[in-house]
Amino acid sequence: MNISWYKSKKVPTSSFELVLDCGLKEQIYKIKSYTVPDGSSEYKNIIEDDRIQRSIYDNEAIRKNLPTVCYNCHGLTLANRRGWFTEPQRVIDNEGYQELKGDEILRIGDIIAYYKKRNGSNRNIHTGIICNIEGCKVKEVSNKQSKGIKVLSKWGAFGEYIHGINSNPYNYDSIKFYRYLKTNH
C-alpha cells in the first residue's frame, strides 16, 4: 500500500498528553487537517490510490469514511478519533482492557489488535473495533479464519473500513481480542 504522499502531509500542529485513569500519560498528536484541491495532481493521486485500495479488497472491505491524517487506527479504536499515536499497547495494558481467551464469546465493541514480531517481541501494529459478529468463541477464530467477524478500522492515512479480520493491508503474525471492563470512570 503506497501512502507515502499522505504521510508527507502528516504534520503535527500540536500535541497533548492523554492522561490515563491509571496515571500514565500518552503523547497524542493533533494533525493539521489537510484538504486537497479538486483537479490537482495530488487529488488525482488520491483517487488513483483509493481505486487501487478498493480493487485489492474488492467486496471484502467497505470504506465508511474518507481518508484523513487527523487520526490513525489507534486514535479511532482507543481515543474516539482524537489523534494519531503509536504506542497503543500502553493504553490497552493500563486502562482496563482485558484480553479475551478460549471459551469467551466475542461481542460487538470488543477490540482486535494485530501483532507483528519485531526484534524478538510482538509489536501492536493495528487495532480495530468488532462491529459485526455471528457469535463465536475466541478459540474458534484464527488468523486464517474470521468466522464472519467484521471489523471497523482505519488504514493508516486512508479512510475507515469495515472488513473481515484478514481483509486489510497489514502484514501481521497474530491477533488478540480485548474488552474494556473498567467500571469506575
N, C-alpha and C. Protein backbone atom coordinates (compact mmCIF):
# COMPACT_ATOMS: atom_id res chain seq x y z
N MET A 1 0.85 -1.17 0.00
CA MET A 1 0.00 0.00 0.00
C MET A 1 0.89 1.23 0.00
N ASN A 2 0.73 2.10 -0.97
CA ASN A 2 1.54 3.30 -1.06
C ASN A 2 0.78 4.48 -0.49
N ILE A 3 1.16 4.90 0.72
CA ILE A 3 0.52 6.08 1.30
C ILE A 3 1.57 7.14 1.61
N SER A 4 2.73 7.05 0.95
CA SER A 4 3.82 7.97 1.27
C SER A 4 3.41 9.42 1.03
N TRP A 5 2.61 9.68 0.02
CA TRP A 5 2.20 11.06 -0.22
C TRP A 5 1.30 11.55 0.89
N TYR A 6 0.50 10.66 1.48
CA TYR A 6 -0.31 11.03 2.64
C TYR A 6 0.61 11.32 3.83
N LYS A 7 1.56 10.43 4.04
CA LYS A 7 2.44 10.57 5.19
C LYS A 7 3.21 11.88 5.13
N SER A 8 3.54 12.33 3.93
CA SER A 8 4.26 13.58 3.82
C SER A 8 3.42 14.75 4.29
N LYS A 9 2.11 14.60 4.32
CA LYS A 9 1.21 15.67 4.77
C LYS A 9 0.91 15.57 6.26
N LYS A 10 1.39 14.53 6.91
CA LYS A 10 1.10 14.32 8.33
C LYS A 10 2.04 15.20 9.16
N VAL A 11 1.64 16.43 9.35
CA VAL A 11 2.46 17.39 10.07
C VAL A 11 1.79 17.71 11.41
N PRO A 12 2.38 17.26 12.52
CA PRO A 12 1.75 17.59 13.80
C PRO A 12 1.73 19.10 14.01
N THR A 13 0.57 19.63 14.33
CA THR A 13 0.45 21.05 14.62
C THR A 13 0.55 21.29 16.11
N SER A 14 0.27 20.27 16.88
CA SER A 14 0.39 20.37 18.33
C SER A 14 0.31 18.96 18.90
N SER A 15 0.61 18.86 20.15
CA SER A 15 0.45 17.57 20.81
C SER A 15 -0.11 17.83 22.20
N PHE A 16 -0.67 16.80 22.76
CA PHE A 16 -1.17 16.89 24.12
C PHE A 16 -0.99 15.54 24.77
N GLU A 17 -1.04 15.53 26.09
CA GLU A 17 -0.91 14.28 26.80
C GLU A 17 -2.29 13.79 27.19
N LEU A 18 -2.57 12.57 26.81
CA LEU A 18 -3.79 11.90 27.25
C LEU A 18 -3.44 11.26 28.59
N VAL A 19 -4.06 11.73 29.65
CA VAL A 19 -3.76 11.19 30.98
C VAL A 19 -4.71 10.02 31.23
N LEU A 20 -4.14 8.85 31.36
CA LEU A 20 -4.92 7.65 31.55
C LEU A 20 -5.39 7.57 33.00
N ASP A 21 -6.47 6.85 33.22
CA ASP A 21 -7.01 6.69 34.57
C ASP A 21 -5.95 6.16 35.54
N CYS A 22 -5.05 5.35 35.04
CA CYS A 22 -4.03 4.75 35.90
C CYS A 22 -2.88 5.71 36.19
N GLY A 23 -2.93 6.90 35.60
CA GLY A 23 -1.90 7.90 35.87
C GLY A 23 -0.84 8.01 34.79
N LEU A 24 -0.74 7.05 33.89
CA LEU A 24 0.22 7.15 32.79
C LEU A 24 -0.20 8.26 31.84
N LYS A 25 0.77 8.80 31.15
CA LYS A 25 0.48 9.84 30.16
C LYS A 25 0.90 9.32 28.79
N GLU A 26 0.02 9.46 27.81
CA GLU A 26 0.28 9.02 26.44
C GLU A 26 0.32 10.25 25.55
N GLN A 27 1.40 10.41 24.80
CA GLN A 27 1.52 11.56 23.90
C GLN A 27 0.62 11.34 22.69
N ILE A 28 -0.26 12.28 22.44
CA ILE A 28 -1.17 12.23 21.30
C ILE A 28 -0.85 13.42 20.41
N TYR A 29 -0.82 13.22 19.12
CA TYR A 29 -0.50 14.29 18.19
C TYR A 29 -1.76 14.74 17.48
N LYS A 30 -2.00 16.03 17.51
CA LYS A 30 -3.07 16.59 16.70
C LYS A 30 -2.46 16.90 15.35
N ILE A 31 -3.12 16.47 14.31
CA ILE A 31 -2.59 16.63 12.97
C ILE A 31 -3.37 17.70 12.25
N LYS A 32 -2.65 18.56 11.57
CA LYS A 32 -3.29 19.62 10.80
C LYS A 32 -4.20 18.98 9.76
N SER A 33 -5.43 19.41 9.72
CA SER A 33 -6.36 18.92 8.71
C SER A 33 -5.85 19.35 7.34
N TYR A 34 -5.95 18.49 6.39
CA TYR A 34 -5.41 18.78 5.08
C TYR A 34 -6.47 18.55 4.02
N THR A 35 -6.69 19.53 3.20
CA THR A 35 -7.67 19.42 2.12
C THR A 35 -6.94 19.52 0.80
N VAL A 36 -7.25 18.62 -0.11
CA VAL A 36 -6.62 18.60 -1.42
C VAL A 36 -7.55 19.25 -2.43
N PRO A 37 -7.08 20.24 -3.17
CA PRO A 37 -7.94 20.91 -4.15
C PRO A 37 -8.37 19.96 -5.28
N ASP A 38 -9.65 20.03 -5.65
CA ASP A 38 -10.15 19.24 -6.77
C ASP A 38 -9.34 19.54 -8.02
N GLY A 39 -9.07 18.51 -8.81
CA GLY A 39 -8.39 18.67 -10.08
C GLY A 39 -6.88 18.75 -9.98
N SER A 40 -6.31 18.89 -8.80
CA SER A 40 -4.86 18.96 -8.66
C SER A 40 -4.25 17.58 -8.89
N SER A 41 -2.95 17.55 -9.12
CA SER A 41 -2.28 16.25 -9.31
C SER A 41 -2.36 15.42 -8.04
N GLU A 42 -2.32 16.07 -6.89
CA GLU A 42 -2.46 15.34 -5.62
C GLU A 42 -3.84 14.69 -5.51
N TYR A 43 -4.86 15.43 -5.94
CA TYR A 43 -6.23 14.91 -5.92
C TYR A 43 -6.32 13.67 -6.82
N LYS A 44 -5.71 13.74 -7.98
CA LYS A 44 -5.72 12.59 -8.89
C LYS A 44 -5.00 11.40 -8.27
N ASN A 45 -3.92 11.66 -7.52
CA ASN A 45 -3.21 10.58 -6.82
C ASN A 45 -4.10 9.94 -5.76
N ILE A 46 -4.86 10.76 -5.04
CA ILE A 46 -5.78 10.23 -4.02
C ILE A 46 -6.80 9.31 -4.67
N ILE A 47 -7.39 9.77 -5.76
CA ILE A 47 -8.40 8.99 -6.45
C ILE A 47 -7.81 7.67 -6.94
N GLU A 48 -6.61 7.72 -7.50
CA GLU A 48 -5.97 6.51 -8.01
C GLU A 48 -5.61 5.55 -6.87
N ASP A 49 -5.03 6.08 -5.78
CA ASP A 49 -4.69 5.22 -4.64
C ASP A 49 -5.95 4.59 -4.04
N ASP A 50 -7.03 5.36 -3.97
CA ASP A 50 -8.28 4.83 -3.44
C ASP A 50 -8.83 3.73 -4.35
N ARG A 51 -8.74 3.93 -5.66
CA ARG A 51 -9.20 2.93 -6.62
C ARG A 51 -8.40 1.64 -6.46
N ILE A 52 -7.09 1.77 -6.30
CA ILE A 52 -6.23 0.60 -6.11
C ILE A 52 -6.60 -0.12 -4.81
N GLN A 53 -6.79 0.67 -3.75
CA GLN A 53 -7.16 0.09 -2.45
C GLN A 53 -8.45 -0.72 -2.57
N ARG A 54 -9.45 -0.13 -3.21
CA ARG A 54 -10.73 -0.82 -3.35
C ARG A 54 -10.61 -2.05 -4.24
N SER A 55 -9.76 -2.00 -5.26
CA SER A 55 -9.63 -3.17 -6.14
C SER A 55 -8.93 -4.33 -5.44
N ILE A 56 -7.99 -4.03 -4.55
CA ILE A 56 -7.28 -5.08 -3.82
C ILE A 56 -8.23 -5.85 -2.92
N TYR A 57 -9.13 -5.13 -2.26
CA TYR A 57 -10.06 -5.74 -1.30
C TYR A 57 -11.48 -5.72 -1.83
N ASP A 58 -11.64 -5.87 -3.14
CA ASP A 58 -12.94 -5.85 -3.79
C ASP A 58 -13.92 -6.78 -3.07
N ASN A 59 -15.03 -6.24 -2.66
CA ASN A 59 -16.10 -6.97 -1.97
C ASN A 59 -15.70 -7.50 -0.60
N GLU A 60 -14.51 -7.20 -0.12
CA GLU A 60 -14.07 -7.67 1.19
C GLU A 60 -13.96 -6.54 2.19
N ALA A 61 -14.00 -5.30 1.72
CA ALA A 61 -13.89 -4.15 2.61
C ALA A 61 -14.75 -3.02 2.06
N ILE A 62 -15.43 -2.35 2.95
CA ILE A 62 -16.31 -1.24 2.58
C ILE A 62 -15.77 0.01 3.25
N ARG A 63 -15.45 1.02 2.45
CA ARG A 63 -14.97 2.27 3.04
C ARG A 63 -16.14 3.02 3.65
N LYS A 64 -15.99 3.43 4.92
CA LYS A 64 -17.06 4.14 5.64
C LYS A 64 -16.77 5.62 5.79
N ASN A 65 -15.51 6.03 5.78
CA ASN A 65 -15.13 7.44 5.88
C ASN A 65 -13.99 7.72 4.93
N LEU A 66 -13.92 8.95 4.49
CA LEU A 66 -12.87 9.37 3.57
C LEU A 66 -11.51 9.41 4.26
N PRO A 67 -10.42 9.39 3.48
CA PRO A 67 -9.08 9.46 4.06
C PRO A 67 -8.89 10.73 4.89
N THR A 68 -8.13 10.61 5.95
CA THR A 68 -7.75 11.74 6.79
C THR A 68 -6.47 11.41 7.53
N VAL A 69 -5.67 12.42 7.78
CA VAL A 69 -4.47 12.22 8.60
C VAL A 69 -4.69 12.78 10.01
N CYS A 70 -5.91 13.09 10.36
CA CYS A 70 -6.20 13.66 11.68
C CYS A 70 -6.14 12.62 12.79
N TYR A 71 -6.29 11.33 12.46
CA TYR A 71 -6.18 10.26 13.45
C TYR A 71 -5.81 8.98 12.72
N ASN A 72 -5.28 8.02 13.47
CA ASN A 72 -4.95 6.72 12.89
C ASN A 72 -5.83 5.64 13.52
N CYS A 73 -5.53 4.38 13.25
CA CYS A 73 -6.37 3.29 13.76
C CYS A 73 -6.43 3.28 15.28
N HIS A 74 -5.31 3.57 15.94
CA HIS A 74 -5.30 3.57 17.40
C HIS A 74 -6.09 4.76 17.95
N GLY A 75 -6.03 5.89 17.26
CA GLY A 75 -6.85 7.04 17.64
C GLY A 75 -8.33 6.73 17.50
N LEU A 76 -8.70 6.01 16.45
CA LEU A 76 -10.09 5.59 16.25
C LEU A 76 -10.51 4.62 17.36
N THR A 77 -9.73 3.58 17.54
CA THR A 77 -10.11 2.48 18.42
C THR A 77 -10.07 2.83 19.90
N LEU A 78 -9.05 3.55 20.31
CA LEU A 78 -8.81 3.76 21.74
C LEU A 78 -9.01 5.19 22.21
N ALA A 79 -9.17 6.15 21.30
CA ALA A 79 -9.27 7.56 21.70
C ALA A 79 -10.37 8.31 20.95
N ASN A 80 -11.37 7.59 20.45
CA ASN A 80 -12.54 8.22 19.82
C ASN A 80 -12.20 9.23 18.72
N ARG A 81 -11.27 8.82 17.84
CA ARG A 81 -10.87 9.65 16.70
C ARG A 81 -10.20 10.96 17.13
N ARG A 82 -9.49 10.94 18.25
CA ARG A 82 -8.92 12.19 18.76
C ARG A 82 -7.42 12.30 18.61
N GLY A 83 -6.82 11.65 17.66
CA GLY A 83 -5.39 11.86 17.46
C GLY A 83 -4.69 10.68 16.82
N TRP A 84 -3.42 10.87 16.63
CA TRP A 84 -2.56 9.90 15.96
C TRP A 84 -1.51 9.48 16.99
N PHE A 85 -1.49 8.22 17.40
CA PHE A 85 -0.46 7.79 18.32
C PHE A 85 0.06 6.42 17.96
N THR A 86 1.23 6.10 18.50
CA THR A 86 1.97 4.94 18.02
C THR A 86 2.18 3.84 19.06
N GLU A 87 1.80 4.04 20.30
CA GLU A 87 2.02 3.04 21.33
C GLU A 87 0.69 2.60 21.97
N PRO A 88 -0.15 1.90 21.22
CA PRO A 88 -1.47 1.53 21.75
C PRO A 88 -1.41 0.52 22.89
N GLN A 89 -0.36 -0.27 22.95
CA GLN A 89 -0.32 -1.33 23.95
C GLN A 89 -0.29 -0.77 25.37
N ARG A 90 0.31 0.39 25.55
CA ARG A 90 0.30 1.03 26.88
C ARG A 90 -1.12 1.31 27.33
N VAL A 91 -1.96 1.80 26.42
CA VAL A 91 -3.35 2.09 26.76
C VAL A 91 -4.08 0.79 27.06
N ILE A 92 -3.92 -0.20 26.20
CA ILE A 92 -4.58 -1.50 26.39
C ILE A 92 -4.18 -2.12 27.72
N ASP A 93 -2.89 -2.09 28.03
CA ASP A 93 -2.38 -2.74 29.24
C ASP A 93 -2.75 -2.01 30.53
N ASN A 94 -3.02 -0.71 30.45
CA ASN A 94 -3.19 0.07 31.68
C ASN A 94 -4.55 0.72 31.87
N GLU A 95 -5.46 0.53 30.95
CA GLU A 95 -6.73 1.26 31.02
C GLU A 95 -7.96 0.38 31.16
N GLY A 96 -7.82 -0.80 31.69
CA GLY A 96 -8.98 -1.62 31.97
C GLY A 96 -9.42 -2.55 30.85
N TYR A 97 -8.54 -2.78 29.87
CA TYR A 97 -8.85 -3.76 28.82
C TYR A 97 -8.37 -5.12 29.29
N GLN A 98 -9.20 -6.12 29.11
CA GLN A 98 -8.85 -7.48 29.48
C GLN A 98 -8.77 -8.33 28.22
N GLU A 99 -7.70 -9.10 28.09
CA GLU A 99 -7.57 -9.98 26.94
C GLU A 99 -8.62 -11.09 27.03
N LEU A 100 -9.26 -11.37 25.91
CA LEU A 100 -10.26 -12.43 25.84
C LEU A 100 -9.59 -13.70 25.33
N LYS A 101 -9.94 -14.83 25.92
CA LYS A 101 -9.30 -16.10 25.54
C LYS A 101 -10.31 -17.23 25.54
N GLY A 102 -9.93 -18.31 24.87
CA GLY A 102 -10.65 -19.58 24.94
C GLY A 102 -12.13 -19.54 24.65
N ASP A 103 -12.92 -19.86 25.67
CA ASP A 103 -14.37 -20.00 25.51
C ASP A 103 -15.14 -18.68 25.61
N GLU A 104 -14.45 -17.58 25.83
CA GLU A 104 -15.16 -16.29 25.92
C GLU A 104 -15.75 -15.95 24.55
N ILE A 105 -16.97 -15.46 24.57
CA ILE A 105 -17.68 -15.13 23.33
C ILE A 105 -17.41 -13.68 22.97
N LEU A 106 -17.01 -13.47 21.73
CA LEU A 106 -16.76 -12.12 21.24
C LEU A 106 -18.06 -11.34 21.12
N ARG A 107 -17.99 -10.04 21.37
CA ARG A 107 -19.14 -9.15 21.28
C ARG A 107 -18.83 -7.93 20.43
N ILE A 108 -19.87 -7.32 19.90
CA ILE A 108 -19.71 -6.05 19.21
C ILE A 108 -19.13 -5.05 20.21
N GLY A 109 -18.14 -4.29 19.78
CA GLY A 109 -17.48 -3.32 20.65
C GLY A 109 -16.16 -3.82 21.21
N ASP A 110 -15.90 -5.14 21.14
CA ASP A 110 -14.61 -5.65 21.56
C ASP A 110 -13.53 -5.12 20.61
N ILE A 111 -12.31 -5.13 21.08
CA ILE A 111 -11.17 -4.62 20.33
C ILE A 111 -10.38 -5.79 19.75
N ILE A 112 -9.94 -5.65 18.51
CA ILE A 112 -9.00 -6.60 17.93
C ILE A 112 -7.67 -5.88 17.76
N ALA A 113 -6.59 -6.55 18.14
CA ALA A 113 -5.25 -6.00 17.98
C ALA A 113 -4.43 -6.97 17.14
N TYR A 114 -3.74 -6.41 16.16
CA TYR A 114 -2.89 -7.18 15.25
C TYR A 114 -1.44 -6.97 15.67
N TYR A 115 -0.68 -8.09 15.75
CA TYR A 115 0.69 -8.03 16.22
C TYR A 115 1.66 -8.55 15.16
N LYS A 116 2.83 -7.94 15.13
CA LYS A 116 3.91 -8.36 14.25
C LYS A 116 5.15 -8.58 15.11
N LYS A 117 5.81 -9.70 14.90
CA LYS A 117 7.03 -9.99 15.66
C LYS A 117 8.16 -9.13 15.11
N ARG A 118 8.74 -8.32 16.00
CA ARG A 118 9.87 -7.46 15.63
C ARG A 118 10.89 -7.49 16.74
N ASN A 119 12.14 -7.73 16.38
CA ASN A 119 13.23 -7.77 17.35
C ASN A 119 12.92 -8.67 18.54
N GLY A 120 12.33 -9.81 18.27
CA GLY A 120 12.07 -10.79 19.31
C GLY A 120 10.83 -10.56 20.16
N SER A 121 10.08 -9.51 19.90
CA SER A 121 8.85 -9.29 20.68
C SER A 121 7.70 -8.95 19.74
N ASN A 122 6.49 -9.14 20.24
CA ASN A 122 5.30 -8.82 19.46
C ASN A 122 4.98 -7.34 19.61
N ARG A 123 4.83 -6.65 18.49
CA ARG A 123 4.51 -5.22 18.50
C ARG A 123 3.11 -5.03 17.93
N ASN A 124 2.29 -4.25 18.62
CA ASN A 124 0.93 -3.96 18.18
C ASN A 124 1.02 -3.00 16.99
N ILE A 125 0.63 -3.49 15.80
CA ILE A 125 0.75 -2.67 14.59
C ILE A 125 -0.58 -2.12 14.09
N HIS A 126 -1.71 -2.66 14.59
CA HIS A 126 -3.00 -2.22 14.08
C HIS A 126 -4.08 -2.60 15.09
N THR A 127 -5.09 -1.75 15.22
CA THR A 127 -6.23 -2.05 16.08
C THR A 127 -7.53 -1.72 15.36
N GLY A 128 -8.59 -2.36 15.79
CA GLY A 128 -9.91 -2.11 15.23
C GLY A 128 -10.99 -2.49 16.24
N ILE A 129 -12.23 -2.21 15.87
CA ILE A 129 -13.38 -2.47 16.74
C ILE A 129 -14.27 -3.51 16.07
N ILE A 130 -14.64 -4.55 16.80
CA ILE A 130 -15.57 -5.55 16.28
C ILE A 130 -16.93 -4.88 16.09
N CYS A 131 -17.45 -4.93 14.87
CA CYS A 131 -18.73 -4.24 14.61
C CYS A 131 -19.83 -5.19 14.12
N ASN A 132 -19.48 -6.43 13.82
CA ASN A 132 -20.47 -7.42 13.42
C ASN A 132 -19.89 -8.79 13.70
N ILE A 133 -20.71 -9.64 14.24
CA ILE A 133 -20.20 -10.97 14.62
C ILE A 133 -21.34 -11.96 14.59
N GLU A 134 -21.02 -13.19 14.28
CA GLU A 134 -22.02 -14.25 14.27
C GLU A 134 -21.86 -15.13 15.49
N GLY A 135 -21.52 -14.54 16.64
CA GLY A 135 -21.41 -15.24 17.91
C GLY A 135 -20.45 -16.40 17.90
N CYS A 136 -19.20 -16.14 18.18
CA CYS A 136 -18.23 -17.23 18.24
C CYS A 136 -17.30 -17.01 19.42
N LYS A 137 -16.66 -18.09 19.81
CA LYS A 137 -15.72 -18.06 20.90
C LYS A 137 -14.35 -17.65 20.35
N VAL A 138 -13.55 -17.06 21.21
CA VAL A 138 -12.21 -16.62 20.82
C VAL A 138 -11.42 -17.78 20.23
N LYS A 139 -11.50 -18.96 20.85
CA LYS A 139 -10.71 -20.10 20.39
C LYS A 139 -11.13 -20.58 18.99
N GLU A 140 -12.30 -20.17 18.52
CA GLU A 140 -12.76 -20.56 17.19
C GLU A 140 -12.23 -19.65 16.08
N VAL A 141 -11.56 -18.58 16.47
CA VAL A 141 -11.06 -17.62 15.50
C VAL A 141 -9.56 -17.79 15.37
N SER A 142 -9.09 -17.87 14.15
CA SER A 142 -7.66 -17.94 13.91
C SER A 142 -7.27 -16.83 12.96
N ASN A 143 -5.99 -16.67 12.73
CA ASN A 143 -5.53 -15.66 11.77
C ASN A 143 -6.07 -15.92 10.38
N LYS A 144 -6.37 -17.16 10.08
CA LYS A 144 -6.79 -17.52 8.72
C LYS A 144 -8.30 -17.61 8.55
N GLN A 145 -9.05 -17.70 9.63
CA GLN A 145 -10.49 -17.86 9.52
C GLN A 145 -11.19 -16.90 10.46
N SER A 146 -12.06 -16.05 9.91
CA SER A 146 -12.64 -14.98 10.72
C SER A 146 -14.03 -15.30 11.25
N LYS A 147 -14.63 -16.40 10.83
CA LYS A 147 -15.95 -16.80 11.33
C LYS A 147 -17.00 -15.70 11.20
N GLY A 148 -16.97 -14.94 10.12
CA GLY A 148 -17.99 -13.91 9.88
C GLY A 148 -17.81 -12.63 10.67
N ILE A 149 -16.70 -12.48 11.35
CA ILE A 149 -16.46 -11.26 12.13
C ILE A 149 -16.14 -10.10 11.19
N LYS A 150 -16.73 -8.94 11.48
CA LYS A 150 -16.42 -7.72 10.74
C LYS A 150 -15.78 -6.73 11.71
N VAL A 151 -14.80 -5.99 11.20
CA VAL A 151 -14.01 -5.07 11.99
C VAL A 151 -14.13 -3.67 11.38
N LEU A 152 -14.25 -2.65 12.22
CA LEU A 152 -14.13 -1.26 11.77
C LEU A 152 -12.74 -0.81 12.17
N SER A 153 -11.96 -0.38 11.18
CA SER A 153 -10.63 0.12 11.49
C SER A 153 -10.24 1.19 10.48
N LYS A 154 -9.18 1.89 10.79
CA LYS A 154 -8.67 2.93 9.91
C LYS A 154 -7.33 2.45 9.38
N TRP A 155 -7.16 2.58 8.07
CA TRP A 155 -5.95 2.06 7.43
C TRP A 155 -4.97 3.20 7.21
N GLY A 156 -4.09 3.41 8.18
CA GLY A 156 -3.10 4.48 8.07
C GLY A 156 -3.77 5.82 7.82
N ALA A 157 -3.34 6.50 6.78
CA ALA A 157 -3.94 7.79 6.43
C ALA A 157 -5.15 7.62 5.52
N PHE A 158 -5.42 6.39 5.11
CA PHE A 158 -6.63 6.16 4.30
C PHE A 158 -7.85 6.25 5.19
N GLY A 159 -8.99 5.88 4.66
CA GLY A 159 -10.24 6.01 5.39
C GLY A 159 -10.49 4.91 6.39
N GLU A 160 -11.67 4.95 6.97
CA GLU A 160 -12.15 3.88 7.85
C GLU A 160 -12.82 2.84 6.97
N TYR A 161 -12.57 1.57 7.29
CA TYR A 161 -13.13 0.47 6.51
C TYR A 161 -13.80 -0.54 7.43
N ILE A 162 -14.86 -1.15 6.94
CA ILE A 162 -15.44 -2.33 7.57
C ILE A 162 -14.95 -3.51 6.75
N HIS A 163 -14.34 -4.48 7.43
CA HIS A 163 -13.67 -5.57 6.71
C HIS A 163 -13.63 -6.82 7.58
N GLY A 164 -13.34 -7.95 6.95
CA GLY A 164 -13.09 -9.18 7.69
C GLY A 164 -11.74 -9.10 8.37
N ILE A 165 -11.48 -10.01 9.27
CA ILE A 165 -10.22 -9.99 10.02
C ILE A 165 -9.01 -9.96 9.09
N ASN A 166 -9.04 -10.75 8.03
CA ASN A 166 -7.88 -10.87 7.14
C ASN A 166 -7.90 -9.90 5.97
N SER A 167 -8.96 -9.16 5.79
CA SER A 167 -9.09 -8.27 4.63
C SER A 167 -8.61 -6.87 4.98
N ASN A 168 -7.32 -6.75 5.19
CA ASN A 168 -6.71 -5.45 5.49
C ASN A 168 -5.27 -5.46 4.99
N PRO A 169 -4.67 -4.29 4.86
CA PRO A 169 -3.33 -4.22 4.27
C PRO A 169 -2.17 -4.49 5.23
N TYR A 170 -2.45 -4.96 6.43
CA TYR A 170 -1.39 -5.14 7.43
C TYR A 170 -0.84 -6.56 7.41
N ASN A 171 0.47 -6.66 7.41
CA ASN A 171 1.16 -7.94 7.43
C ASN A 171 1.42 -8.30 8.88
N TYR A 172 0.56 -9.11 9.47
CA TYR A 172 0.63 -9.41 10.89
C TYR A 172 0.90 -10.88 11.13
N ASP A 173 1.37 -11.19 12.33
CA ASP A 173 1.66 -12.57 12.71
C ASP A 173 0.60 -13.17 13.61
N SER A 174 -0.03 -12.35 14.44
CA SER A 174 -1.02 -12.87 15.38
C SER A 174 -2.05 -11.79 15.72
N ILE A 175 -3.16 -12.24 16.29
CA ILE A 175 -4.21 -11.33 16.74
C ILE A 175 -4.60 -11.66 18.17
N LYS A 176 -5.10 -10.64 18.86
CA LYS A 176 -5.66 -10.82 20.19
C LYS A 176 -6.93 -9.98 20.26
N PHE A 177 -7.82 -10.40 21.15
CA PHE A 177 -9.06 -9.66 21.37
C PHE A 177 -9.08 -9.13 22.79
N TYR A 178 -9.65 -7.93 22.95
CA TYR A 178 -9.75 -7.30 24.26
C TYR A 178 -11.15 -6.74 24.47
N ARG A 179 -11.50 -6.63 25.74
CA ARG A 179 -12.78 -6.00 26.12
C ARG A 179 -12.49 -4.99 27.22
N TYR A 180 -13.12 -3.82 27.09
CA TYR A 180 -12.98 -2.80 28.12
C TYR A 180 -13.87 -3.16 29.29
N LEU A 181 -13.28 -3.30 30.47
CA LEU A 181 -14.03 -3.76 31.63
C LEU A 181 -14.06 -2.77 32.78
N LYS A 182 -13.35 -1.68 32.68
CA LYS A 182 -13.30 -0.73 33.79
C LYS A 182 -14.68 -0.12 34.00
N THR A 183 -15.15 -0.09 35.24
CA THR A 183 -16.48 0.42 35.51
C THR A 183 -16.48 1.79 36.18
N ASN A 184 -15.45 2.17 36.94
CA ASN A 184 -15.44 3.50 37.55
C ASN A 184 -14.61 4.43 36.68
N HIS A 185 -15.26 5.46 36.19
CA HIS A 185 -14.58 6.43 35.32
C HIS A 185 -14.22 7.66 36.08
